[in-house]
């Protein structure tokens, strides 16, 4: 039985930050005023929009200027790691400090770019993040031990960050937490038959947990088949609170504090 929003007291008004959403992608971008208004009615007050390709960076900068509460991160996703040449890295160095984090970066063997090339791009961007003092948004799929090793070697614990839409085991999550990272849960925790996300939601220390949508992907179970949107992060929050046997307001307050610890204060809308 889910805790209900109507059970909350006025002083417990829920505020959330979607720590990873691609508002610059279709179909969200074409309907963004409505998408953001719906999110704010659901208590989502901030939106971290990561860049995945150099061509995205100007677009997400424009979004942050046009819409309150939209924060930027800049990076080269592992599926575009072959673009991480000197010119792109120089451009990243110029723009990265205007964002709240560097990302989305990492490793993923399911993409066609060879892992050796992905690793080189990952390391180059981690070094830049450490030099600039920026937290990192890490994409990792089926490559957890190697990702952890690289983060340690590149001293990423100095800046920390978020393991985005984490799909590893709770045991592996604890290793990233020891390095100074938070673990992000998404709509997958609501999926019918989900096992590992439920274990993560139950076992991750609350002080190391943040939430995201990865919109327009990873849509919660109740809306499967539709593009995801930040308003539906509420359903992730409800599921996590239910799994942990906690009040919704208590989980929301903790994850907001964790998010602000990583990114700083959320800008006024």
C-alpha atoms as a PDB file:
ATOM      1  CA  UNK A   1       0.000   0.000   0.000  1.00  0.00           C
ATOM      2  CA  UNK A   2       1.581   3.264  -1.083  1.00  0.00           C
ATOM      3  CA  UNK A   3       1.755   6.214   1.286  1.00  0.00           C
ATOM      4  CA  UNK A   4      -0.604   8.859  -0.124  1.00  0.00           C
ATOM      5  CA  UNK A   5       0.259  12.447  -0.914  1.00  0.00           C
ATOM      6  CA  UNK A   6      -2.931  13.475   0.880  1.00  0.00           C
ATOM      7  CA  UNK A   7      -1.519  11.981   4.096  1.00  0.00           C
ATOM      8  CA  UNK A   8       1.142  14.691   4.209  1.00  0.00           C
ATOM      9  CA  UNK A   9       0.752  17.705   6.467  1.00  0.00           C
ATOM     10  CA  UNK A  10       1.116  21.225   4.983  1.00  0.00           C
ATOM     11  CA  UNK A  11       4.482  21.628   6.668  1.00  0.00           C
ATOM     12  CA  UNK A  12       5.625  18.433   4.915  1.00  0.00           C
ATOM     13  CA  UNK A  13       5.213  19.828   1.385  1.00  0.00           C
ATOM     14  CA  UNK A  14       7.358  17.641  -0.855  1.00  0.00           C
ATOM     15  CA  UNK A  15      10.085  19.210  -2.963  1.00  0.00           C
ATOM     16  CA  UNK A  16      12.098  17.120  -5.395  1.00  0.00           C
ATOM     17  CA  UNK A  17      14.915  17.580  -7.873  1.00  0.00           C
ATOM     18  CA  UNK A  18      15.094  15.392 -10.949  1.00  0.00           C
ATOM     19  CA  UNK A  19      18.836  14.736 -10.938  1.00  0.00           C
ATOM     20  CA  UNK A  20      18.907  13.455 -14.522  1.00  0.00           C
ATOM     21  CA  UNK A  21      16.430  14.321 -17.277  1.00  0.00           C
ATOM     22  CA  UNK A  22      16.953  15.040 -20.960  1.00  0.00           C
ATOM     23  CA  UNK A  23      14.601  17.974 -21.399  1.00  0.00           C
ATOM     24  CA  UNK A  24      16.377  18.906 -24.624  1.00  0.00           C
ATOM     25  CA  UNK A  25      15.232  15.658 -26.271  1.00  0.00           C
ATOM     26  CA  UNK A  26      12.004  15.082 -28.119  1.00  0.00           C
ATOM     27  CA  UNK A  27       9.177  14.771 -27.416  1.00  0.00           C
ATOM     28  CA  UNK A  28       9.822  16.765 -24.215  1.00  0.00           C
ATOM     29  CA  UNK A  29      11.459  19.768 -25.852  1.00  0.00           C
ATOM     30  CA  UNK A  30       8.471  20.541 -28.091  1.00  0.00           C
ATOM     31  CA  UNK A  31       6.096  20.617 -25.111  1.00  0.00           C
ATOM     32  CA  UNK A  32       8.435  21.896 -22.434  1.00  0.00           C
ATOM     33  CA  UNK A  33       6.292  24.635 -20.786  1.00  0.00           C
ATOM     34  CA  UNK A  34       3.533  22.099 -20.127  1.00  0.00           C
ATOM     35  CA  UNK A  35       6.022  19.414 -19.037  1.00  0.00           C
ATOM     36  CA  UNK A  36       7.652  21.771 -16.537  1.00  0.00           C
ATOM     37  CA  UNK A  37       4.340  23.093 -15.213  1.00  0.00           C
ATOM     38  CA  UNK A  38       3.156  19.537 -14.609  1.00  0.00           C
ATOM     39  CA  UNK A  39       6.401  18.706 -12.833  1.00  0.00           C
ATOM     40  CA  UNK A  40       6.159  21.717 -10.558  1.00  0.00           C
ATOM     41  CA  UNK A  41       2.613  20.799  -9.582  1.00  0.00           C
ATOM     42  CA  UNK A  42       4.065  17.447  -8.534  1.00  0.00           C
ATOM     43  CA  UNK A  43       6.664  19.167  -6.342  1.00  0.00           C
ATOM     44  CA  UNK A  44       9.641  18.902  -8.700  1.00  0.00           C
ATOM     45  CA  UNK A  45      11.468  22.205  -8.288  1.00  0.00           C
ATOM     46  CA  UNK A  46      14.729  21.492 -10.118  1.00  0.00           C
ATOM     47  CA  UNK A  47      15.920  19.644 -13.183  1.00  0.00           C
ATOM     48  CA  UNK A  48      19.500  18.631 -13.999  1.00  0.00           C
ATOM     49  CA  UNK A  49      19.878  18.293 -17.769  1.00  0.00           C
ATOM     50  CA  UNK A  50      23.064  16.487 -18.842  1.00  0.00           C
ATOM     51  CA  UNK A  51      24.692  16.907 -22.225  1.00  0.00           C
ATOM     52  CA  UNK A  52      25.588  13.747 -24.105  1.00  0.00           C
ATOM     53  CA  UNK A  53      26.991  15.178 -27.366  1.00  0.00           C
ATOM     54  CA  UNK A  54      28.870  18.439 -28.074  1.00  0.00           C
ATOM     55  CA  UNK A  55      26.022  19.567 -30.292  1.00  0.00           C
ATOM     56  CA  UNK A  56      23.699  19.444 -27.243  1.00  0.00           C
ATOM     57  CA  UNK A  57      25.627  21.886 -25.107  1.00  0.00           C
ATOM     58  CA  UNK A  58      24.333  25.135 -26.594  1.00  0.00           C
ATOM     59  CA  UNK A  59      20.766  23.840 -26.585  1.00  0.00           C
ATOM     60  CA  UNK A  60      20.743  22.907 -22.911  1.00  0.00           C
ATOM     61  CA  UNK A  61      22.407  26.225 -22.021  1.00  0.00           C
ATOM     62  CA  UNK A  62      19.514  27.993 -23.749  1.00  0.00           C
ATOM     63  CA  UNK A  63      16.997  25.879 -21.843  1.00  0.00           C
ATOM     64  CA  UNK A  64      18.552  26.845 -18.523  1.00  0.00           C
ATOM     65  CA  UNK A  65      18.304  30.529 -19.424  1.00  0.00           C
ATOM     66  CA  UNK A  66      14.697  30.254 -20.543  1.00  0.00           C
ATOM     67  CA  UNK A  67      13.299  28.121 -17.728  1.00  0.00           C
ATOM     68  CA  UNK A  68      13.763  28.550 -13.995  1.00  0.00           C
ATOM     69  CA  UNK A  69      15.056  25.587 -12.048  1.00  0.00           C
ATOM     70  CA  UNK A  70      16.763  24.008 -15.069  1.00  0.00           C
ATOM     71  CA  UNK A  71      20.418  23.261 -14.321  1.00  0.00           C
ATOM     72  CA  UNK A  72      23.023  22.099 -16.812  1.00  0.00           C
ATOM     73  CA  UNK A  73      25.777  19.527 -16.938  1.00  0.00           C
ATOM     74  CA  UNK A  74      28.084  19.068 -19.895  1.00  0.00           C
ATOM     75  CA  UNK A  75      29.820  15.931 -21.081  1.00  0.00           C
ATOM     76  CA  UNK A  76      30.365  13.384 -23.828  1.00  0.00           C
ATOM     77  CA  UNK A  77      28.360  10.194 -23.363  1.00  0.00           C
ATOM     78  CA  UNK A  78      30.155   6.848 -23.917  1.00  0.00           C
ATOM     79  CA  UNK A  79      28.089   6.243 -27.068  1.00  0.00           C
ATOM     80  CA  UNK A  80      29.747   9.370 -28.513  1.00  0.00           C
ATOM     81  CA  UNK A  81      33.203   8.738 -27.031  1.00  0.00           C
ATOM     82  CA  UNK A  82      34.801   8.798 -30.474  1.00  0.00           C
ATOM     83  CA  UNK A  83      34.045  12.549 -30.538  1.00  0.00           C
ATOM     84  CA  UNK A  84      36.174  13.225 -27.451  1.00  0.00           C
ATOM     85  CA  UNK A  85      39.128  14.589 -29.404  1.00  0.00           C
ATOM     86  CA  UNK A  86      41.254  17.598 -28.447  1.00  0.00           C
ATOM     87  CA  UNK A  87      38.918  20.204 -29.967  1.00  0.00           C
ATOM     88  CA  UNK A  88      35.814  18.829 -28.229  1.00  0.00           C
ATOM     89  CA  UNK A  89      37.630  18.500 -24.916  1.00  0.00           C
ATOM     90  CA  UNK A  90      38.867  22.089 -25.222  1.00  0.00           C
ATOM     91  CA  UNK A  91      35.300  23.245 -25.854  1.00  0.00           C
ATOM     92  CA  UNK A  92      34.129  21.195 -22.887  1.00  0.00           C
ATOM     93  CA  UNK A  93      36.731  22.814 -20.669  1.00  0.00           C
ATOM     94  CA  UNK A  94      35.367  26.252 -21.599  1.00  0.00           C
ATOM     95  CA  UNK A  95      31.724  25.459 -20.952  1.00  0.00           C
ATOM     96  CA  UNK A  96      31.869  22.878 -18.154  1.00  0.00           C
ATOM     97  CA  UNK A  97      32.263  25.346 -15.298  1.00  0.00           C
ATOM     98  CA  UNK A  98      28.917  26.967 -16.189  1.00  0.00           C
ATOM     99  CA  UNK A  99      27.149  23.755 -15.187  1.00  0.00           C
ATOM    100  CA  UNK A 100      26.513  22.108 -11.832  1.00  0.00           C
ATOM    101  CA  UNK A 101      28.256  18.864 -12.839  1.00  0.00           C
ATOM    102  CA  UNK A 102      30.196  17.204 -15.631  1.00  0.00           C
ATOM    103  CA  UNK A 103      28.348  14.462 -17.454  1.00  0.00           C
ATOM    104  CA  UNK A 104      26.940  12.280 -18.639  1.00  0.00           C
ATOM    105  CA  UNK A 105      30.136  10.251 -18.932  1.00  0.00           C
ATOM    106  CA  UNK A 106      31.158   6.651 -18.337  1.00  0.00           C
ATOM    107  CA  UNK A 107      31.384   3.160 -19.810  1.00  0.00           C
ATOM    108  CA  UNK A 108      28.882   0.941 -21.584  1.00  0.00           C
ATOM    109  CA  UNK A 109      29.865  -2.192 -23.557  1.00  0.00           C
ATOM    110  CA  UNK A 110      26.473  -2.268 -25.279  1.00  0.00           C
ATOM    111  CA  UNK A 111      27.455   0.636 -27.526  1.00  0.00           C
ATOM    112  CA  UNK A 112      29.434   0.238 -30.739  1.00  0.00           C
ATOM    113  CA  UNK A 113      32.292   2.501 -29.637  1.00  0.00           C
ATOM    114  CA  UNK A 114      35.150   0.251 -28.439  1.00  0.00           C
ATOM    115  CA  UNK A 115      35.587   0.197 -24.657  1.00  0.00           C
ATOM    116  CA  UNK A 116      39.200   1.282 -25.025  1.00  0.00           C
ATOM    117  CA  UNK A 117      38.024   4.496 -26.711  1.00  0.00           C
ATOM    118  CA  UNK A 118      35.259   4.958 -24.143  1.00  0.00           C
ATOM    119  CA  UNK A 119      37.758   4.592 -21.333  1.00  0.00           C
ATOM    120  CA  UNK A 120      40.063   7.226 -22.797  1.00  0.00           C
ATOM    121  CA  UNK A 121      37.178   9.699 -23.091  1.00  0.00           C
ATOM    122  CA  UNK A 122      36.018   8.828 -19.578  1.00  0.00           C
ATOM    123  CA  UNK A 123      39.436   9.423 -18.067  1.00  0.00           C
ATOM    124  CA  UNK A 124      39.962  12.699 -19.940  1.00  0.00           C
ATOM    125  CA  UNK A 125      36.650  14.032 -18.676  1.00  0.00           C
ATOM    126  CA  UNK A 126      37.215  12.835 -15.124  1.00  0.00           C
ATOM    127  CA  UNK A 127      40.522  14.688 -15.049  1.00  0.00           C
ATOM    128  CA  UNK A 128      38.759  17.824 -16.218  1.00  0.00           C
ATOM    129  CA  UNK A 129      36.058  17.429 -13.572  1.00  0.00           C
ATOM    130  CA  UNK A 130      38.641  17.005 -10.810  1.00  0.00           C
ATOM    131  CA  UNK A 131      40.585  20.028 -12.065  1.00  0.00           C
ATOM    132  CA  UNK A 132      37.411  22.139 -12.077  1.00  0.00           C
ATOM    133  CA  UNK A 133      36.039  20.729  -8.824  1.00  0.00           C
ATOM    134  CA  UNK A 134      32.831  19.513 -10.474  1.00  0.00           C
ATOM    135  CA  UNK A 135      30.861  16.413  -9.454  1.00  0.00           C
ATOM    136  CA  UNK A 136      30.340  13.853 -12.219  1.00  0.00           C
ATOM    137  CA  UNK A 137      27.247  12.101 -13.569  1.00  0.00           C
ATOM    138  CA  UNK A 138      28.356   8.565 -14.353  1.00  0.00           C
ATOM    139  CA  UNK A 139      26.696   6.251 -16.861  1.00  0.00           C
ATOM    140  CA  UNK A 140      27.648   2.659 -16.147  1.00  0.00           C
ATOM    141  CA  UNK A 141      26.122  -0.516 -17.513  1.00  0.00           C
ATOM    142  CA  UNK A 142      27.635  -3.999 -17.157  1.00  0.00           C
ATOM    143  CA  UNK A 143      31.039  -2.480 -16.445  1.00  0.00           C
ATOM    144  CA  UNK A 144      30.904  -1.699 -12.738  1.00  0.00           C
ATOM    145  CA  UNK A 145      34.255  -2.996 -11.526  1.00  0.00           C
ATOM    146  CA  UNK A 146      36.172  -1.290 -14.341  1.00  0.00           C
ATOM    147  CA  UNK A 147      34.267   1.954 -13.784  1.00  0.00           C
ATOM    148  CA  UNK A 148      35.037   1.845 -10.071  1.00  0.00           C
ATOM    149  CA  UNK A 149      38.718   1.188 -10.778  1.00  0.00           C
ATOM    150  CA  UNK A 150      38.926   4.158 -13.150  1.00  0.00           C
ATOM    151  CA  UNK A 151      37.131   6.463 -10.716  1.00  0.00           C
ATOM    152  CA  UNK A 152      39.640   5.493  -8.041  1.00  0.00           C
ATOM    153  CA  UNK A 153      42.639   5.929 -10.337  1.00  0.00           C
ATOM    154  CA  UNK A 154      41.464   9.342 -11.508  1.00  0.00           C
ATOM    155  CA  UNK A 155      40.789  10.472  -7.925  1.00  0.00           C
ATOM    156  CA  UNK A 156      37.128  11.149  -8.675  1.00  0.00           C
ATOM    157  CA  UNK A 157      36.367  10.753  -4.982  1.00  0.00           C
ATOM    158  CA  UNK A 158      37.674  14.307  -4.620  1.00  0.00           C
ATOM    159  CA  UNK A 159      34.569  15.604  -6.417  1.00  0.00           C
ATOM    160  CA  UNK A 160      32.064  12.759  -6.034  1.00  0.00           C
ATOM    161  CA  UNK A 161      28.843  12.779  -7.963  1.00  0.00           C
ATOM    162  CA  UNK A 162      26.052  10.418  -8.922  1.00  0.00           C
ATOM    163  CA  UNK A 163      25.913   6.914 -10.298  1.00  0.00           C
ATOM    164  CA  UNK A 164      23.075   7.592 -12.708  1.00  0.00           C
ATOM    165  CA  UNK A 165      20.132   5.145 -12.940  1.00  0.00           C
ATOM    166  CA  UNK A 166      22.249   2.603 -11.095  1.00  0.00           C
ATOM    167  CA  UNK A 167      21.676  -1.002 -12.169  1.00  0.00           C
ATOM    168  CA  UNK A 168      24.410  -2.775 -10.222  1.00  0.00           C
ATOM    169  CA  UNK A 169      24.142  -4.798  -7.035  1.00  0.00           C
ATOM    170  CA  UNK A 170      23.797  -3.312  -3.553  1.00  0.00           C
ATOM    171  CA  UNK A 171      27.277  -4.658  -2.801  1.00  0.00           C
ATOM    172  CA  UNK A 172      28.733  -2.760  -5.746  1.00  0.00           C
ATOM    173  CA  UNK A 173      26.698   0.327  -4.831  1.00  0.00           C
ATOM    174  CA  UNK A 174      28.412   0.364  -1.442  1.00  0.00           C
ATOM    175  CA  UNK A 175      31.799   0.500  -3.140  1.00  0.00           C
ATOM    176  CA  UNK A 176      30.789   3.617  -5.082  1.00  0.00           C
ATOM    177  CA  UNK A 177      29.348   5.116  -1.903  1.00  0.00           C
ATOM    178  CA  UNK A 178      32.690   4.551  -0.129  1.00  0.00           C
ATOM    179  CA  UNK A 179      34.301   6.559  -2.903  1.00  0.00           C
ATOM    180  CA  UNK A 180      31.949   9.461  -2.232  1.00  0.00           C
ATOM    181  CA  UNK A 181      29.181   8.900  -4.778  1.00  0.00           C
ATOM    182  CA  UNK A 182      25.411   8.892  -4.382  1.00  0.00           C
ATOM    183  CA  UNK A 183      23.283   6.201  -5.989  1.00  0.00           C
ATOM    184  CA  UNK A 184      20.384   7.326  -8.166  1.00  0.00           C
ATOM    185  CA  UNK A 185      17.181   5.335  -8.566  1.00  0.00           C
ATOM    186  CA  UNK A 186      14.752   5.793 -11.436  1.00  0.00           C
ATOM    187  CA  UNK A 187      11.430   4.473 -12.725  1.00  0.00           C
ATOM    188  CA  UNK A 188      12.875   0.969 -12.979  1.00  0.00           C
ATOM    189  CA  UNK A 189      12.172   0.534  -9.254  1.00  0.00           C
ATOM    190  CA  UNK A 190       8.448   0.627 -10.087  1.00  0.00           C
ATOM    191  CA  UNK A 191       8.605  -1.948 -12.904  1.00  0.00           C
ATOM    192  CA  UNK A 192       6.666  -5.142 -12.481  1.00  0.00           C
ATOM    193  CA  UNK A 193       9.011  -7.915 -11.415  1.00  0.00           C
ATOM    194  CA  UNK A 194      11.890  -5.547 -10.612  1.00  0.00           C
ATOM    195  CA  UNK A 195      14.346  -7.260  -8.250  1.00  0.00           C
ATOM    196  CA  UNK A 196      17.690  -5.491  -8.143  1.00  0.00           C
ATOM    197  CA  UNK A 197      16.223  -1.940  -8.073  1.00  0.00           C
ATOM    198  CA  UNK A 198      14.006  -2.964  -5.160  1.00  0.00           C
ATOM    199  CA  UNK A 199      17.005  -4.340  -3.269  1.00  0.00           C
ATOM    200  CA  UNK A 200      18.855  -1.105  -3.918  1.00  0.00           C
ATOM    201  CA  UNK A 201      15.912   0.975  -2.702  1.00  0.00           C
ATOM    202  CA  UNK A 202      15.775  -1.086   0.486  1.00  0.00           C
ATOM    203  CA  UNK A 203      19.493  -1.321   1.251  1.00  0.00           C
ATOM    204  CA  UNK A 204      21.150   1.914   0.114  1.00  0.00           C
ATOM    205  CA  UNK A 205      21.751   4.218   3.105  1.00  0.00           C
ATOM    206  CA  UNK A 206      19.279   7.084   2.881  1.00  0.00           C
ATOM    207  CA  UNK A 207      22.076   9.643   3.059  1.00  0.00           C
ATOM    208  CA  UNK A 208      23.500   8.276  -0.208  1.00  0.00           C
ATOM    209  CA  UNK A 209      20.281   8.119  -2.240  1.00  0.00           C
ATOM    210  CA  UNK A 210      18.997  10.481  -4.941  1.00  0.00           C
ATOM    211  CA  UNK A 211      16.195  10.152  -7.497  1.00  0.00           C
ATOM    212  CA  UNK A 212      15.813  10.781 -11.216  1.00  0.00           C
ATOM    213  CA  UNK A 213      13.597  10.063 -14.193  1.00  0.00           C
ATOM    214  CA  UNK A 214      16.088   9.887 -17.101  1.00  0.00           C
ATOM    215  CA  UNK A 215      13.135  11.282 -19.058  1.00  0.00           C
ATOM    216  CA  UNK A 216      12.073  10.577 -21.721  1.00  0.00           C
ATOM    217  CA  UNK A 217      13.373   7.068 -20.887  1.00  0.00           C
ATOM    218  CA  UNK A 218      12.788   4.636 -17.980  1.00  0.00           C
ATOM    219  CA  UNK A 219       9.098   5.434 -17.655  1.00  0.00           C
ATOM    220  CA  UNK A 220       7.452   4.201 -14.412  1.00  0.00           C
ATOM    221  CA  UNK A 221       5.228   1.141 -14.609  1.00  0.00           C
ATOM    222  CA  UNK A 222       1.926   3.038 -14.513  1.00  0.00           C
ATOM    223  CA  UNK A 223       2.864   4.953 -17.659  1.00  0.00           C
ATOM    224  CA  UNK A 224       4.851   2.359 -19.606  1.00  0.00           C
ATOM    225  CA  UNK A 225       4.641   2.928 -23.335  1.00  0.00           C
ATOM    226  CA  UNK A 226       4.662   6.718 -22.924  1.00  0.00           C
ATOM    227  CA  UNK A 227       7.673   9.066 -22.907  1.00  0.00           C
ATOM    228  CA  UNK A 228       8.779   9.634 -19.338  1.00  0.00           C
ATOM    229  CA  UNK A 229       8.578  13.101 -17.767  1.00  0.00           C
ATOM    230  CA  UNK A 230       9.841  14.725 -14.550  1.00  0.00           C
ATOM    231  CA  UNK A 231       6.368  14.856 -12.942  1.00  0.00           C
ATOM    232  CA  UNK A 232       6.451  11.081 -12.707  1.00  0.00           C
ATOM    233  CA  UNK A 233       9.405  11.162 -10.353  1.00  0.00           C
ATOM    234  CA  UNK A 234       6.710  11.338  -7.688  1.00  0.00           C
ATOM    235  CA  UNK A 235       5.964   7.694  -8.438  1.00  0.00           C
ATOM    236  CA  UNK A 236       9.599   6.769  -7.888  1.00  0.00           C
ATOM    237  CA  UNK A 237       9.474   8.554  -4.539  1.00  0.00           C
ATOM    238  CA  UNK A 238       6.282   6.729  -3.528  1.00  0.00           C
ATOM    239  CA  UNK A 239       7.765   3.363  -4.439  1.00  0.00           C
ATOM    240  CA  UNK A 240      10.998   3.976  -2.561  1.00  0.00           C
ATOM    241  CA  UNK A 241       9.129   5.175   0.535  1.00  0.00           C
ATOM    242  CA  UNK A 242       6.897   2.107   0.409  1.00  0.00           C
ATOM    243  CA  UNK A 243       9.830  -0.292   0.002  1.00  0.00           C
ATOM    244  CA  UNK A 244      11.645   1.291   2.933  1.00  0.00           C
ATOM    245  CA  UNK A 245       8.526   1.550   5.099  1.00  0.00           C
ATOM    246  CA  UNK A 246       9.095   5.282   5.555  1.00  0.00           C
ATOM    247  CA  UNK A 247       7.007   8.425   5.338  1.00  0.00           C
ATOM    248  CA  UNK A 248       7.072  10.021   1.911  1.00  0.00           C
ATOM    249  CA  UNK A 249       8.033  13.382   3.421  1.00  0.00           C
ATOM    250  CA  UNK A 250      11.019  11.871   5.241  1.00  0.00           C
ATOM    251  CA  UNK A 251      12.403  10.254   2.086  1.00  0.00           C
ATOM    252  CA  UNK A 252      11.778  13.407   0.058  1.00  0.00           C
ATOM    253  CA  UNK A 253      13.540  15.587   2.617  1.00  0.00           C
ATOM    254  CA  UNK A 254      16.558  13.274   2.708  1.00  0.00           C
ATOM    255  CA  UNK A 255      16.989  12.981  -1.050  1.00  0.00           C
ATOM    256  CA  UNK A 256      16.624  16.752  -1.479  1.00  0.00           C
ATOM    257  CA  UNK A 257      19.350  17.307   1.114  1.00  0.00           C
ATOM    258  CA  UNK A 258      21.566  14.788  -0.682  1.00  0.00           C
ATOM    259  CA  UNK A 259      20.936  16.481  -4.017  1.00  0.00           C
ATOM    260  CA  UNK A 260      21.793  19.900  -2.644  1.00  0.00           C
ATOM    261  CA  UNK A 261      24.934  18.486  -1.072  1.00  0.00           C
ATOM    262  CA  UNK A 262      26.064  17.474  -4.558  1.00  0.00           C
ATOM    263  CA  UNK A 263      24.879  20.412  -6.669  1.00  0.00           C
ATOM    264  CA  UNK A 264      24.448  23.249  -4.179  1.00  0.00           C
ATOM    265  CA  UNK A 265      21.283  25.254  -3.643  1.00  0.00           C
ATOM    266  CA  UNK A 266      18.565  24.881  -6.238  1.00  0.00           C
ATOM    267  CA  UNK A 267      18.021  28.151  -8.159  1.00  0.00           C
ATOM    268  CA  UNK A 268      14.763  29.990  -7.630  1.00  0.00           C
ATOM    269  CA  UNK A 269      12.155  29.423 -10.315  1.00  0.00           C
END
